[in-house]
Amino acid sequence: MALAFGIIISAMIYMFGSISGTHINPSVIIVLMIGELTIKKEISAQILGAVLASELLKLMFLYQH
């Protein structure tokens, strides 16, 4: 089971690493913000993307009938 999760995370890093930096874990983003190692525009885009994705997922489950 742990190997499967490791393979999935590795695949996501290889697929999306060049696009978004692959900050999958929110704690990584928080540390980068505290250390001022990332720009605010990138953080806002990630937050907006997460909110939009969760709303889309909610709509998909509400109207699946």
Protein backbone atom coordinates (compact mmCIF):
# COMPACT_ATOMS: atom_id res chain seq x y z
CA MET A 1 0.00 0.00 0.00
CA ALA A 2 2.77 2.45 0.92
CA LEU A 3 4.59 1.62 -2.31
CA ALA A 4 1.47 2.44 -4.35
CA PHE A 5 1.18 5.87 -2.70
CA GLY A 6 4.88 6.50 -3.27
CA ILE A 7 4.57 5.63 -6.96
CA ILE A 8 1.52 7.90 -7.34
CA ILE A 9 3.30 10.84 -5.70
CA SER A 10 6.38 10.24 -7.86
CA ALA A 11 4.24 10.17 -11.01
CA MET A 12 2.53 13.42 -10.01
CA ILE A 13 5.90 15.07 -9.41
CA TYR A 14 7.18 14.01 -12.84
CA MET A 15 3.94 15.06 -14.58
CA PHE A 16 3.28 18.41 -12.90
CA GLY A 17 6.68 19.43 -11.55
CA SER A 18 7.58 21.68 -14.44
CA ILE A 19 4.15 23.36 -14.39
CA SER A 20 3.47 24.13 -10.73
CA GLY A 21 6.53 23.10 -8.77
CA THR A 22 4.47 20.20 -7.38
CA HIS A 23 3.75 21.58 -3.94
CA ILE A 24 1.39 18.71 -3.11
CA ASN A 25 1.69 19.05 0.64
CA PRO A 26 0.26 22.32 2.06
CA SER A 27 3.00 22.42 4.69
CA VAL A 28 5.55 22.89 1.89
CA ILE A 29 3.71 26.00 0.70
CA ILE A 30 3.52 27.38 4.26
CA VAL A 31 7.27 26.91 4.77
CA LEU A 32 8.03 28.56 1.43
CA MET A 33 5.81 31.49 2.41
CA ILE A 34 7.51 31.90 5.79
CA GLY A 35 10.96 31.72 4.22
CA GLU A 36 9.85 34.07 1.42
CA LEU A 37 11.14 31.60 -1.15
CA THR A 38 8.09 31.84 -3.40
CA ILE A 39 6.12 34.71 -4.87
CA LYS A 40 2.67 35.67 -3.65
CA LYS A 41 1.18 35.35 -7.14
CA GLU A 42 2.08 31.66 -7.22
CA ILE A 43 0.55 31.06 -3.80
CA SER A 44 -2.67 32.88 -4.75
CA ALA A 45 -2.92 30.85 -7.96
CA GLN A 46 -2.53 27.61 -6.00
CA ILE A 47 -5.20 28.63 -3.48
CA LEU A 48 -7.58 29.72 -6.26
CA GLY A 49 -6.96 26.46 -8.13
CA ALA A 50 -7.66 24.41 -5.01
CA VAL A 51 -10.90 26.28 -4.31
CA LEU A 52 -12.10 25.96 -7.90
CA ALA A 53 -11.22 22.26 -8.02
CA SER A 54 -13.10 21.57 -4.78
CA GLU A 55 -16.16 23.47 -6.04
CA LEU A 56 -16.07 21.56 -9.33
CA LEU A 57 -15.81 18.27 -7.47
CA LYS A 58 -18.73 19.25 -5.24
CA LEU A 59 -20.85 20.11 -8.29
CA MET A 60 -19.95 16.82 -9.96
CA PHE A 61 -21.12 14.84 -6.94
CA LEU A 62 -24.29 16.90 -6.49
CA TYR A 63 -25.44 16.50 -10.10
CA GLN A 64 -24.35 12.94 -10.84
CA HIS A 65 -27.93 11.64 -11.07
